[in-house]
Amino acid sequence: MALFGALEALPLAEVLSLLSHKEGALEVWNLEGLPPTTLYLRGGRLVAVTHKGKPLPPLDAKSAVQSLLLAKKGNFEFIPGAKPPGGEPLNIPIEKILLFTVAQEDELAHYRPYLPHPEARFRIVGNAPEDESLKEFFHQALPLLKRGASPREVAQALRAHEDLIRLKFYKLLQAGTLERARADERSSPPVGVAQRLLSFLRTVWNR
């Protein structure tokens, strides 16, 4: 069964539903903020996810699929019979992915009014959260969060959908793990420059 098109017309969840019992590779590209990704299907299960032919480990593969399911723009093509590259098989039921999609969209719709701005910066102030799903994200984003980062920066670094990362930030804020960072002091002019500028302005004003 050959299948191709655009996500604007046929969302990924519907594509997976159509291919739920097919074997082959579903290539997805032209994604906003996300790299080209290939999903390998077999016997009603997702068995591998790759970026540029390289299999993703289970945690990264899960994050990639979650982001793809929210993509509104992009192109896809299914290649029947294509075999996955070597690596640890995922073995995730397609039905489970589809159920998760509904839950994910409902959760985002509920929290969207409260999500932080994509460019607002936050930093760590508490311990790692107890929630396992948040704990995974926390450790992935830890190097960025230590110095302060925005949801947009983390989304780009992790190659994840921006709204998903904003939701993670919101939950970490509620858990007391993050707080809004102060303005970056490095953006201020050095003291010597500021003093010289102030002296110049005083001279001009007193003329």
C-alpha atoms as a PDB file:
ATOM      1  CA  MET A   1       0.000   0.000   0.000  1.00  0.00           C
ATOM      2  CA  ALA A   2       1.705   3.184  -1.200  1.00  0.00           C
ATOM      3  CA  LEU A   3       0.648   6.297   0.665  1.00  0.00           C
ATOM      4  CA  PHE A   4       1.935   9.870   0.495  1.00  0.00           C
ATOM      5  CA  GLY A   5       0.681  13.375   1.128  1.00  0.00           C
ATOM      6  CA  ALA A   6       0.767  16.356   3.493  1.00  0.00           C
ATOM      7  CA  LEU A   7       0.056  16.464   7.213  1.00  0.00           C
ATOM      8  CA  GLU A   8      -2.143  19.517   6.643  1.00  0.00           C
ATOM      9  CA  ALA A   9      -4.626  17.234   4.871  1.00  0.00           C
ATOM     10  CA  LEU A  10      -4.002  14.010   6.784  1.00  0.00           C
ATOM     11  CA  PRO A  11      -2.579  14.244  10.340  1.00  0.00           C
ATOM     12  CA  LEU A  12       0.004  11.700  11.396  1.00  0.00           C
ATOM     13  CA  ALA A  13      -2.403   9.954  13.784  1.00  0.00           C
ATOM     14  CA  GLU A  14      -4.752   9.220  10.879  1.00  0.00           C
ATOM     15  CA  VAL A  15      -1.842   8.057   8.719  1.00  0.00           C
ATOM     16  CA  LEU A  16      -0.750   5.614  11.434  1.00  0.00           C
ATOM     17  CA  SER A  17      -4.315   4.371  11.769  1.00  0.00           C
ATOM     18  CA  LEU A  18      -4.428   3.598   8.045  1.00  0.00           C
ATOM     19  CA  LEU A  19      -1.063   1.807   8.246  1.00  0.00           C
ATOM     20  CA  SER A  20      -1.610   0.091  11.580  1.00  0.00           C
ATOM     21  CA  HIS A  21      -1.242  -3.413  10.152  1.00  0.00           C
ATOM     22  CA  LYS A  22       1.216  -2.689   7.337  1.00  0.00           C
ATOM     23  CA  GLU A  23       4.956  -3.313   7.248  1.00  0.00           C
ATOM     24  CA  GLY A  24       7.333  -0.666   5.985  1.00  0.00           C
ATOM     25  CA  ALA A  25       8.810   2.776   6.585  1.00  0.00           C
ATOM     26  CA  LEU A  26       6.847   5.991   7.038  1.00  0.00           C
ATOM     27  CA  GLU A  27       9.082   8.923   6.122  1.00  0.00           C
ATOM     28  CA  VAL A  28       8.080  12.357   7.430  1.00  0.00           C
ATOM     29  CA  TRP A  29       9.863  15.590   6.441  1.00  0.00           C
ATOM     30  CA  ASN A  30       9.423  19.371   5.910  1.00  0.00           C
ATOM     31  CA  LEU A  31       8.517  19.604   9.578  1.00  0.00           C
ATOM     32  CA  GLU A  32       8.551  22.969  11.328  1.00  0.00           C
ATOM     33  CA  GLY A  33      11.295  22.872  13.968  1.00  0.00           C
ATOM     34  CA  LEU A  34      11.719  19.092  13.715  1.00  0.00           C
ATOM     35  CA  PRO A  35      14.217  16.992  11.728  1.00  0.00           C
ATOM     36  CA  PRO A  36      13.172  14.515   8.995  1.00  0.00           C
ATOM     37  CA  THR A  37      12.121  11.305  10.732  1.00  0.00           C
ATOM     38  CA  THR A  38      11.374   7.746   9.645  1.00  0.00           C
ATOM     39  CA  LEU A  39       9.007   5.441  11.521  1.00  0.00           C
ATOM     40  CA  TYR A  40       9.270   1.697  10.893  1.00  0.00           C
ATOM     41  CA  LEU A  41       6.077  -0.300  11.282  1.00  0.00           C
ATOM     42  CA  ARG A  42       5.497  -4.024  11.499  1.00  0.00           C
ATOM     43  CA  GLY A  43       2.539  -6.114  12.636  1.00  0.00           C
ATOM     44  CA  GLY A  44       0.617  -3.260  14.220  1.00  0.00           C
ATOM     45  CA  ARG A  45       3.658  -1.994  16.091  1.00  0.00           C
ATOM     46  CA  LEU A  46       6.229   0.781  15.864  1.00  0.00           C
ATOM     47  CA  VAL A  47       9.560  -1.050  15.837  1.00  0.00           C
ATOM     48  CA  ALA A  48      12.075   1.750  15.142  1.00  0.00           C
ATOM     49  CA  VAL A  49      12.458   5.516  14.734  1.00  0.00           C
ATOM     50  CA  THR A  50      15.416   7.006  12.871  1.00  0.00           C
ATOM     51  CA  HIS A  51      16.959  10.404  12.148  1.00  0.00           C
ATOM     52  CA  LYS A  52      19.102  10.381   9.002  1.00  0.00           C
ATOM     53  CA  GLY A  53      19.179   6.598   9.072  1.00  0.00           C
ATOM     54  CA  LYS A  54      20.392   6.430  12.680  1.00  0.00           C
ATOM     55  CA  PRO A  55      18.093   4.546  15.114  1.00  0.00           C
ATOM     56  CA  LEU A  56      17.021   6.556  18.131  1.00  0.00           C
ATOM     57  CA  PRO A  57      17.194   5.024  21.618  1.00  0.00           C
ATOM     58  CA  PRO A  58      13.786   4.361  23.209  1.00  0.00           C
ATOM     59  CA  LEU A  59      13.604   7.604  25.204  1.00  0.00           C
ATOM     60  CA  ASP A  60      14.529   9.804  22.228  1.00  0.00           C
ATOM     61  CA  ALA A  61      12.246   7.799  19.940  1.00  0.00           C
ATOM     62  CA  LYS A  62       9.314   8.324  22.302  1.00  0.00           C
ATOM     63  CA  SER A  63       9.979  12.079  22.396  1.00  0.00           C
ATOM     64  CA  ALA A  64      10.253  12.212  18.592  1.00  0.00           C
ATOM     65  CA  VAL A  65       6.914  10.437  18.115  1.00  0.00           C
ATOM     66  CA  GLN A  66       5.185  12.702  20.645  1.00  0.00           C
ATOM     67  CA  SER A  67       6.408  15.752  18.734  1.00  0.00           C
ATOM     68  CA  LEU A  68       5.492  14.338  15.322  1.00  0.00           C
ATOM     69  CA  LEU A  69       1.931  13.685  16.468  1.00  0.00           C
ATOM     70  CA  LEU A  70       1.496  17.425  17.085  1.00  0.00           C
ATOM     71  CA  ALA A  71       2.991  18.517  13.761  1.00  0.00           C
ATOM     72  CA  LYS A  72       0.516  20.494  11.643  1.00  0.00           C
ATOM     73  CA  LYS A  73       2.730  20.894   8.591  1.00  0.00           C
ATOM     74  CA  GLY A  74       4.958  18.461   6.729  1.00  0.00           C
ATOM     75  CA  ASN A  75       5.013  15.734   4.109  1.00  0.00           C
ATOM     76  CA  PHE A  76       4.968  11.986   4.410  1.00  0.00           C
ATOM     77  CA  GLU A  77       5.430   8.882   2.288  1.00  0.00           C
ATOM     78  CA  PHE A  78       5.034   5.226   3.195  1.00  0.00           C
ATOM     79  CA  ILE A  79       7.466   2.751   1.651  1.00  0.00           C
ATOM     80  CA  PRO A  80       5.989  -0.763   1.869  1.00  0.00           C
ATOM     81  CA  GLY A  81       8.284  -3.591   2.931  1.00  0.00           C
ATOM     82  CA  ALA A  82      11.180  -1.376   4.054  1.00  0.00           C
ATOM     83  CA  LYS A  83      13.142  -2.978   6.881  1.00  0.00           C
ATOM     84  CA  PRO A  84      14.360  -1.128   9.969  1.00  0.00           C
ATOM     85  CA  PRO A  85      18.087  -0.727  10.629  1.00  0.00           C
ATOM     86  CA  GLY A  86      19.721  -2.650  13.429  1.00  0.00           C
ATOM     87  CA  GLY A  87      19.333  -1.526  17.002  1.00  0.00           C
ATOM     88  CA  GLU A  88      17.109  -2.048  20.000  1.00  0.00           C
ATOM     89  CA  PRO A  89      13.546  -2.632  18.743  1.00  0.00           C
ATOM     90  CA  LEU A  90      10.824  -0.435  20.237  1.00  0.00           C
ATOM     91  CA  ASN A  91       7.830  -2.764  19.895  1.00  0.00           C
ATOM     92  CA  ILE A  92       5.204  -0.093  20.706  1.00  0.00           C
ATOM     93  CA  PRO A  93       1.608  -0.935  19.691  1.00  0.00           C
ATOM     94  CA  ILE A  94       0.185   1.544  17.167  1.00  0.00           C
ATOM     95  CA  GLU A  95      -3.114   1.442  19.066  1.00  0.00           C
ATOM     96  CA  LYS A  96      -1.320   2.678  22.197  1.00  0.00           C
ATOM     97  CA  ILE A  97       0.212   5.563  20.224  1.00  0.00           C
ATOM     98  CA  LEU A  98      -3.202   6.591  18.889  1.00  0.00           C
ATOM     99  CA  LEU A  99      -4.767   6.553  22.371  1.00  0.00           C
ATOM    100  CA  PHE A 100      -1.855   8.590  23.670  1.00  0.00           C
ATOM    101  CA  THR A 101      -2.400  11.143  20.892  1.00  0.00           C
ATOM    102  CA  VAL A 102      -5.915  11.890  22.080  1.00  0.00           C
ATOM    103  CA  ALA A 103      -4.790  12.238  25.696  1.00  0.00           C
ATOM    104  CA  GLN A 104      -1.869  14.469  24.699  1.00  0.00           C
ATOM    105  CA  GLU A 105      -4.025  16.826  22.646  1.00  0.00           C
ATOM    106  CA  ASP A 106      -6.631  17.042  25.430  1.00  0.00           C
ATOM    107  CA  GLU A 107      -3.956  17.876  28.006  1.00  0.00           C
ATOM    108  CA  LEU A 108      -2.438  20.590  25.830  1.00  0.00           C
ATOM    109  CA  ALA A 109      -5.865  22.094  25.139  1.00  0.00           C
ATOM    110  CA  HIS A 110      -6.576  22.225  28.879  1.00  0.00           C
ATOM    111  CA  TYR A 111      -3.274  23.840  29.909  1.00  0.00           C
ATOM    112  CA  ARG A 112      -2.599  26.019  26.856  1.00  0.00           C
ATOM    113  CA  PRO A 113      -3.840  29.282  28.498  1.00  0.00           C
ATOM    114  CA  TYR A 114      -1.324  28.766  31.312  1.00  0.00           C
ATOM    115  CA  LEU A 115       1.739  27.738  29.320  1.00  0.00           C
ATOM    116  CA  PRO A 116       4.798  30.013  29.627  1.00  0.00           C
ATOM    117  CA  HIS A 117       5.875  32.170  26.706  1.00  0.00           C
ATOM    118  CA  PRO A 118       8.272  30.301  24.366  1.00  0.00           C
ATOM    119  CA  GLU A 119      11.028  32.871  24.900  1.00  0.00           C
ATOM    120  CA  ALA A 120      10.658  33.374  28.663  1.00  0.00           C
ATOM    121  CA  ARG A 121      13.767  32.144  30.501  1.00  0.00           C
ATOM    122  CA  PHE A 122      13.734  29.848  33.520  1.00  0.00           C
ATOM    123  CA  ARG A 123      16.294  28.262  35.793  1.00  0.00           C
ATOM    124  CA  ILE A 124      16.491  25.423  38.317  1.00  0.00           C
ATOM    125  CA  VAL A 125      15.697  26.196  41.947  1.00  0.00           C
ATOM    126  CA  GLY A 126      14.510  22.812  43.247  1.00  0.00           C
ATOM    127  CA  ASN A 127      15.253  19.120  43.111  1.00  0.00           C
ATOM    128  CA  ALA A 128      14.393  16.735  40.302  1.00  0.00           C
ATOM    129  CA  PRO A 129      10.624  16.075  40.184  1.00  0.00           C
ATOM    130  CA  GLU A 130       9.206  12.763  41.373  1.00  0.00           C
ATOM    131  CA  ASP A 131       6.964  12.346  38.312  1.00  0.00           C
ATOM    132  CA  GLU A 132       8.774   9.854  36.060  1.00  0.00           C
ATOM    133  CA  SER A 133       7.779  11.569  32.795  1.00  0.00           C
ATOM    134  CA  LEU A 134       8.997  14.920  34.117  1.00  0.00           C
ATOM    135  CA  LYS A 135      12.135  13.339  35.554  1.00  0.00           C
ATOM    136  CA  GLU A 136      13.158  12.052  32.111  1.00  0.00           C
ATOM    137  CA  PHE A 137      12.714  15.503  30.586  1.00  0.00           C
ATOM    138  CA  PHE A 138      14.437  17.191  33.526  1.00  0.00           C
ATOM    139  CA  HIS A 139      17.625  15.177  33.050  1.00  0.00           C
ATOM    140  CA  GLN A 140      17.562  15.730  29.289  1.00  0.00           C
ATOM    141  CA  ALA A 141      17.257  19.503  29.707  1.00  0.00           C
ATOM    142  CA  LEU A 142      19.453  19.774  32.824  1.00  0.00           C
ATOM    143  CA  PRO A 143      22.557  21.282  31.133  1.00  0.00           C
ATOM    144  CA  LEU A 144      20.450  24.097  29.657  1.00  0.00           C
ATOM    145  CA  LEU A 145      18.304  24.675  32.725  1.00  0.00           C
ATOM    146  CA  LYS A 146      21.345  25.049  34.984  1.00  0.00           C
ATOM    147  CA  ARG A 147      22.358  28.242  33.198  1.00  0.00           C
ATOM    148  CA  GLY A 148      18.819  29.341  32.410  1.00  0.00           C
ATOM    149  CA  ALA A 149      16.930  28.610  29.204  1.00  0.00           C
ATOM    150  CA  SER A 150      13.640  29.251  27.433  1.00  0.00           C
ATOM    151  CA  PRO A 151      11.188  26.590  26.225  1.00  0.00           C
ATOM    152  CA  ARG A 152      12.128  27.504  22.658  1.00  0.00           C
ATOM    153  CA  GLU A 153      15.843  26.917  23.304  1.00  0.00           C
ATOM    154  CA  VAL A 154      15.177  23.561  24.943  1.00  0.00           C
ATOM    155  CA  ALA A 155      12.777  22.506  22.182  1.00  0.00           C
ATOM    156  CA  GLN A 156      15.405  23.258  19.540  1.00  0.00           C
ATOM    157  CA  ALA A 157      18.138  21.469  21.476  1.00  0.00           C
ATOM    158  CA  LEU A 158      16.007  18.355  22.062  1.00  0.00           C
ATOM    159  CA  ARG A 159      14.373  18.512  18.620  1.00  0.00           C
ATOM    160  CA  ALA A 160      10.963  18.447  20.235  1.00  0.00           C
ATOM    161  CA  HIS A 161       7.663  20.216  19.614  1.00  0.00           C
ATOM    162  CA  GLU A 162       7.664  23.622  21.313  1.00  0.00           C
ATOM    163  CA  ASP A 163       4.215  23.234  22.899  1.00  0.00           C
ATOM    164  CA  LEU A 164       5.246  19.953  24.546  1.00  0.00           C
ATOM    165  CA  ILE A 165       8.279  21.621  26.080  1.00  0.00           C
ATOM    166  CA  ARG A 166       6.169  24.563  27.274  1.00  0.00           C
ATOM    167  CA  LEU A 167       3.876  22.059  29.012  1.00  0.00           C
ATOM    168  CA  LYS A 168       6.883  20.408  30.680  1.00  0.00           C
ATOM    169  CA  PHE A 169       8.101  23.823  31.871  1.00  0.00           C
ATOM    170  CA  TYR A 170       4.645  24.597  33.287  1.00  0.00           C
ATOM    171  CA  LYS A 171       4.583  21.354  35.259  1.00  0.00           C
ATOM    172  CA  LEU A 172       8.115  21.898  36.567  1.00  0.00           C
ATOM    173  CA  LEU A 173       7.086  25.387  37.676  1.00  0.00           C
ATOM    174  CA  GLN A 174       4.108  23.942  39.538  1.00  0.00           C
ATOM    175  CA  ALA A 175       6.400  21.365  41.160  1.00  0.00           C
ATOM    176  CA  GLY A 176       8.718  24.121  42.395  1.00  0.00           C
ATOM    177  CA  THR A 177      11.645  22.871  40.312  1.00  0.00           C
ATOM    178  CA  LEU A 178      11.900  25.964  38.083  1.00  0.00           C
ATOM    179  CA  GLU A 179      11.479  29.686  38.500  1.00  0.00           C
ATOM    180  CA  ARG A 180      11.497  32.621  36.098  1.00  0.00           C
ATOM    181  CA  ALA A 181      15.100  33.736  35.551  1.00  0.00           C
ATOM    182  CA  ARG A 182      16.159  37.342  36.007  1.00  0.00           C
ATOM    183  CA  ALA A 183      17.329  39.354  33.042  1.00  0.00           C
ATOM    184  CA  ASP A 184      20.734  38.172  31.879  1.00  0.00           C
ATOM    185  CA  GLU A 185      23.298  40.444  33.483  1.00  0.00           C
ATOM    186  CA  ARG A 186      25.637  39.839  30.571  1.00  0.00           C
ATOM    187  CA  SER A 187      23.280  41.916  28.415  1.00  0.00           C
ATOM    188  CA  SER A 188      24.130  45.019  30.505  1.00  0.00           C
ATOM    189  CA  PRO A 189      27.075  47.179  29.411  1.00  0.00           C
ATOM    190  CA  PRO A 190      30.292  46.763  31.409  1.00  0.00           C
ATOM    191  CA  VAL A 191      30.598  49.104  34.392  1.00  0.00           C
ATOM    192  CA  GLY A 192      33.390  51.125  32.803  1.00  0.00           C
ATOM    193  CA  VAL A 193      31.374  51.743  29.649  1.00  0.00           C
ATOM    194  CA  ALA A 194      28.287  52.727  31.621  1.00  0.00           C
ATOM    195  CA  GLN A 195      30.281  55.181  33.735  1.00  0.00           C
ATOM    196  CA  ARG A 196      31.858  56.841  30.693  1.00  0.00           C
ATOM    197  CA  LEU A 197      28.456  57.137  29.015  1.00  0.00           C
ATOM    198  CA  LEU A 198      26.924  58.697  32.112  1.00  0.00           C
ATOM    199  CA  SER A 199      29.830  61.170  32.393  1.00  0.00           C
ATOM    200  CA  PHE A 200      29.410  62.162  28.742  1.00  0.00           C
ATOM    201  CA  LEU A 201      25.666  62.751  29.161  1.00  0.00           C
ATOM    202  CA  ARG A 202      26.257  64.921  32.222  1.00  0.00           C
ATOM    203  CA  THR A 203      28.795  67.009  30.288  1.00  0.00           C
ATOM    204  CA  VAL A 204      26.382  67.549  27.412  1.00  0.00           C
ATOM    205  CA  TRP A 205      23.512  68.399  29.787  1.00  0.00           C
ATOM    206  CA  ASN A 206      25.554  70.987  31.684  1.00  0.00           C
ATOM    207  CA  ARG A 207      26.650  72.885  28.555  1.00  0.00           C
END
